[in-house]
Amino acid sequence: QAELRFFKVIIPVGGKTPIHTHPAPMFVYLDQGELKHTRGDVINYFSSKQSLIESNNGEKHIVENIGNKPAVLYVVAASAVGLPITIHD
C-alpha cells in the first residue's frame, strides 16, 4: 500500500549523517542552513531555500551541516507502508 511521509529534519551545526541510502524517492527542501552532500566522488553544496531529489536508485551518501546554524530540512518520501525511509550501511 502506498504511503506519503512528511518529515522535519534538523541537523545540528557540524552534524553529519552516517553513510546511508533511501529505498524510496524523496523530495528535500532546505529551509535553513548549508549542506554538503557527498555521494562517492561527487560533492554537491546546498544552501537555504534550495531543494533536491533523492532517488531510490541512488548510491550511498552522507549529508553534513557545514553552516553556522542548525540545518532545517523538510522531506517528503513517496513510500510504501512498512518500507524504511533510510538504510544505514
Protein backbone atom coordinates (compact mmCIF):
# COMPACT_ATOMS: atom_id res chain seq x y z
CA GLN A 1 0.00 0.00 0.00
CA ALA A 2 1.35 3.41 -0.98
CA GLU A 3 2.21 5.93 1.72
CA LEU A 4 3.34 9.56 1.57
CA ARG A 5 5.51 10.59 4.53
CA PHE A 6 6.45 14.12 5.59
CA PHE A 7 9.32 14.88 7.99
CA LYS A 8 11.07 17.85 9.51
CA VAL A 9 14.75 17.01 9.97
CA ILE A 10 17.19 19.15 11.94
CA ILE A 11 20.94 18.58 11.56
CA PRO A 12 22.92 20.45 14.24
CA VAL A 13 25.91 22.64 13.42
CA GLY A 14 28.77 20.29 12.49
CA GLY A 15 26.37 17.34 12.37
CA LYS A 16 26.85 14.59 9.80
CA THR A 17 24.66 11.63 8.88
CA PRO A 18 26.09 8.13 8.74
CA ILE A 19 26.54 6.73 5.24
CA HIS A 20 23.12 5.63 4.01
CA THR A 21 20.69 5.02 1.14
CA HIS A 22 16.94 5.51 0.66
CA PRO A 23 14.69 2.74 -0.68
CA ALA A 24 12.01 5.26 -1.75
CA PRO A 25 12.31 8.53 -3.68
CA MET A 26 12.39 11.72 -1.60
CA PHE A 27 11.96 15.44 -2.18
CA VAL A 28 14.09 17.53 0.22
CA TYR A 29 13.65 21.26 0.82
CA LEU A 30 16.39 23.02 2.81
CA ASP A 31 14.56 25.73 4.73
CA GLN A 32 17.60 26.92 6.68
CA GLY A 33 21.32 26.22 6.64
CA GLU A 34 24.08 24.95 4.40
CA LEU A 35 24.69 21.32 3.48
CA LYS A 36 27.43 19.29 1.89
CA HIS A 37 26.07 16.19 0.12
CA THR A 38 28.69 13.55 -0.72
CA ARG A 39 27.88 10.57 -2.97
CA GLY A 40 31.07 8.71 -3.85
CA ASP A 41 33.35 11.20 -5.59
CA VAL A 42 30.50 13.65 -6.29
CA ILE A 43 30.09 16.52 -3.84
CA ASN A 44 27.19 18.98 -4.02
CA TYR A 45 26.50 22.00 -1.84
CA PHE A 46 23.05 23.29 -0.95
CA SER A 47 22.02 26.47 0.83
CA SER A 48 18.86 27.83 2.37
CA LYS A 49 15.73 27.74 0.17
CA GLN A 50 17.14 25.14 -2.25
CA SER A 51 15.80 21.66 -2.85
CA LEU A 52 16.98 18.31 -4.11
CA ILE A 53 15.61 14.90 -5.02
CA GLU A 54 16.97 11.69 -3.55
CA SER A 55 16.30 8.72 -5.82
CA ASN A 56 15.56 5.25 -4.57
CA ASN A 57 18.19 4.18 -7.14
CA GLY A 58 20.79 6.44 -5.55
CA GLU A 59 24.08 5.27 -4.18
CA LYS A 60 25.23 5.54 -0.59
CA HIS A 61 25.75 9.10 0.57
CA ILE A 62 26.48 11.38 3.53
CA VAL A 63 24.93 14.75 4.38
CA GLU A 64 26.83 17.24 6.53
CA ASN A 65 25.81 20.60 8.02
CA ILE A 66 28.61 22.99 7.06
CA GLY A 67 26.79 26.16 8.15
CA ASN A 68 26.87 28.17 11.36
CA LYS A 69 23.29 27.34 12.43
CA PRO A 70 21.17 24.18 12.52
CA ALA A 71 20.09 22.93 9.09
CA VAL A 72 16.31 22.57 8.86
CA LEU A 73 15.04 20.25 6.13
CA TYR A 74 11.50 19.31 5.12
CA VAL A 75 11.38 15.88 3.49
CA VAL A 76 8.57 14.19 1.57
CA ALA A 77 9.02 10.48 0.85
CA ALA A 78 6.84 8.60 -1.65
CA SER A 79 6.97 5.21 0.01
CA ALA A 80 5.02 2.10 0.93
CA VAL A 81 3.68 1.02 4.29
CA GLY A 82 6.41 -0.77 6.23
CA LEU A 83 9.28 0.32 3.96
CA PRO A 84 12.09 2.05 5.90
CA ILE A 85 12.95 5.63 4.96
CA THR A 86 16.70 5.27 5.45
CA ILE A 87 19.03 2.28 5.38
CA HIS A 88 22.34 2.77 7.19
CA ASP A 89 25.41 0.96 5.93
